[in-house]
Amino acid sequence: MKRLLIASLLLASVAQAKEVLPWIENDYAKAIAHAKAADLPVFVEAWAPW
């Protein structure tokens, strides 16, 4: 029961994050323009399969 509650809270957090954080994928220029217009920092996520 405890694990179900934790999983539910995590899923709820993810659902809220999608609404709050606008992700701009594969368009660096657009992300920078959006950040400058809103005076916000940019978070860049990068990874490699190796």
N, C-alpha and C. Protein backbone atom coordinates (compact mmCIF):
# COMPACT_ATOMS: atom_id res chain seq x y z
N MET A 1 0.83 -1.19 0.00
CA MET A 1 0.00 0.00 0.00
C MET A 1 0.87 1.25 0.00
N LYS A 2 1.95 1.21 0.76
CA LYS A 2 2.85 2.35 0.84
C LYS A 2 3.49 2.63 -0.52
N ARG A 3 3.87 1.57 -1.24
CA ARG A 3 4.48 1.75 -2.56
C ARG A 3 3.48 2.34 -3.55
N LEU A 4 2.24 1.92 -3.45
CA LEU A 4 1.20 2.45 -4.33
C LEU A 4 1.01 3.93 -4.10
N LEU A 5 1.03 4.35 -2.86
CA LEU A 5 0.88 5.77 -2.54
C LEU A 5 2.06 6.57 -3.09
N ILE A 6 3.25 6.06 -2.92
CA ILE A 6 4.45 6.75 -3.43
C ILE A 6 4.41 6.83 -4.95
N ALA A 7 4.04 5.74 -5.60
CA ALA A 7 3.94 5.73 -7.06
C ALA A 7 2.90 6.73 -7.54
N SER A 8 1.77 6.80 -6.85
CA SER A 8 0.72 7.75 -7.22
C SER A 8 1.20 9.19 -7.08
N LEU A 9 1.92 9.46 -6.02
CA LEU A 9 2.45 10.82 -5.83
C LEU A 9 3.47 11.17 -6.89
N LEU A 10 4.31 10.22 -7.25
CA LEU A 10 5.31 10.48 -8.30
C LEU A 10 4.63 10.74 -9.64
N LEU A 11 3.63 9.95 -9.97
CA LEU A 11 2.91 10.15 -11.23
C LEU A 11 2.20 11.50 -11.23
N ALA A 12 1.63 11.88 -10.13
CA ALA A 12 0.97 13.18 -10.04
C ALA A 12 1.99 14.31 -10.23
N SER A 13 3.17 14.14 -9.68
CA SER A 13 4.22 15.16 -9.84
C SER A 13 4.64 15.28 -11.28
N VAL A 14 4.78 14.15 -11.97
CA VAL A 14 5.17 14.17 -13.38
C VAL A 14 4.09 14.84 -14.21
N ALA A 15 2.83 14.55 -13.93
CA ALA A 15 1.73 15.16 -14.67
C ALA A 15 1.74 16.67 -14.48
N GLN A 16 2.00 17.14 -13.28
CA GLN A 16 2.05 18.57 -13.03
C GLN A 16 3.26 19.20 -13.70
N ALA A 17 4.38 18.52 -13.70
CA ALA A 17 5.60 19.07 -14.29
C ALA A 17 5.43 19.31 -15.78
N LYS A 18 4.71 18.45 -16.46
CA LYS A 18 4.49 18.64 -17.89
C LYS A 18 3.71 19.91 -18.16
N GLU A 19 2.84 20.29 -17.26
CA GLU A 19 2.07 21.50 -17.44
C GLU A 19 2.91 22.74 -17.10
N VAL A 20 3.81 22.62 -16.17
CA VAL A 20 4.57 23.77 -15.68
C VAL A 20 5.82 24.02 -16.52
N LEU A 21 6.50 22.97 -16.91
CA LEU A 21 7.75 23.10 -17.65
C LEU A 21 7.55 22.90 -19.15
N PRO A 22 7.67 23.95 -19.93
CA PRO A 22 7.52 23.79 -21.38
C PRO A 22 8.82 23.24 -21.99
N TRP A 23 8.79 22.01 -22.44
CA TRP A 23 9.96 21.40 -23.06
C TRP A 23 9.99 21.74 -24.53
N ILE A 24 11.13 22.21 -25.00
CA ILE A 24 11.33 22.49 -26.42
C ILE A 24 12.40 21.52 -26.90
N GLU A 25 11.99 20.55 -27.69
CA GLU A 25 12.92 19.51 -28.12
C GLU A 25 13.51 19.82 -29.49
N ASN A 26 14.81 19.67 -29.61
CA ASN A 26 15.52 19.75 -30.89
C ASN A 26 15.41 21.09 -31.59
N ASP A 27 15.27 22.17 -30.85
CA ASP A 27 15.22 23.51 -31.44
C ASP A 27 15.89 24.49 -30.48
N TYR A 28 17.21 24.49 -30.52
CA TYR A 28 18.00 25.31 -29.58
C TYR A 28 17.70 26.81 -29.75
N ALA A 29 17.60 27.27 -30.98
CA ALA A 29 17.35 28.69 -31.23
C ALA A 29 16.00 29.11 -30.64
N LYS A 30 14.98 28.28 -30.80
CA LYS A 30 13.67 28.59 -30.24
C LYS A 30 13.71 28.61 -28.72
N ALA A 31 14.44 27.66 -28.13
CA ALA A 31 14.55 27.59 -26.67
C ALA A 31 15.24 28.84 -26.12
N ILE A 32 16.29 29.26 -26.77
CA ILE A 32 17.02 30.45 -26.33
C ILE A 32 16.15 31.70 -26.48
N ALA A 33 15.44 31.81 -27.59
CA ALA A 33 14.56 32.97 -27.80
C ALA A 33 13.45 33.01 -26.75
N HIS A 34 12.88 31.86 -26.45
CA HIS A 34 11.81 31.78 -25.44
C HIS A 34 12.37 32.18 -24.06
N ALA A 35 13.54 31.68 -23.73
CA ALA A 35 14.14 31.98 -22.43
C ALA A 35 14.48 33.46 -22.30
N LYS A 36 15.01 34.04 -23.34
CA LYS A 36 15.34 35.47 -23.29
C LYS A 36 14.08 36.32 -23.17
N ALA A 37 13.04 35.96 -23.90
CA ALA A 37 11.79 36.73 -23.86
C ALA A 37 11.14 36.66 -22.48
N ALA A 38 11.26 35.51 -21.82
CA ALA A 38 10.64 35.34 -20.51
C ALA A 38 11.61 35.60 -19.37
N ASP A 39 12.85 35.96 -19.69
CA ASP A 39 13.91 36.18 -18.71
C ASP A 39 14.06 34.97 -17.78
N LEU A 40 14.21 33.79 -18.40
CA LEU A 40 14.34 32.53 -17.68
C LEU A 40 15.64 31.82 -18.06
N PRO A 41 16.16 30.99 -17.17
CA PRO A 41 17.34 30.20 -17.52
C PRO A 41 16.94 29.05 -18.44
N VAL A 42 17.93 28.46 -19.08
CA VAL A 42 17.72 27.32 -19.98
C VAL A 42 18.33 26.08 -19.34
N PHE A 43 17.57 25.01 -19.34
CA PHE A 43 18.06 23.71 -18.87
C PHE A 43 18.27 22.85 -20.09
N VAL A 44 19.49 22.35 -20.27
CA VAL A 44 19.81 21.50 -21.41
C VAL A 44 20.05 20.09 -20.92
N GLU A 45 19.28 19.15 -21.45
CA GLU A 45 19.46 17.75 -21.11
C GLU A 45 20.17 17.08 -22.27
N ALA A 46 21.24 16.42 -21.98
CA ALA A 46 22.00 15.72 -23.01
C ALA A 46 22.36 14.33 -22.52
N TRP A 47 22.37 13.37 -23.42
CA TRP A 47 22.73 12.01 -23.05
C TRP A 47 23.27 11.30 -24.29
N ALA A 48 23.89 10.21 -24.07
CA ALA A 48 24.42 9.39 -25.15
C ALA A 48 24.19 7.91 -24.82
N PRO A 49 23.93 7.11 -25.82
CA PRO A 49 23.66 5.68 -25.57
C PRO A 49 24.91 4.87 -25.29
N TRP A 50 26.06 5.46 -25.27
CA TRP A 50 27.28 4.71 -25.01
C TRP A 50 27.67 4.94 -23.62
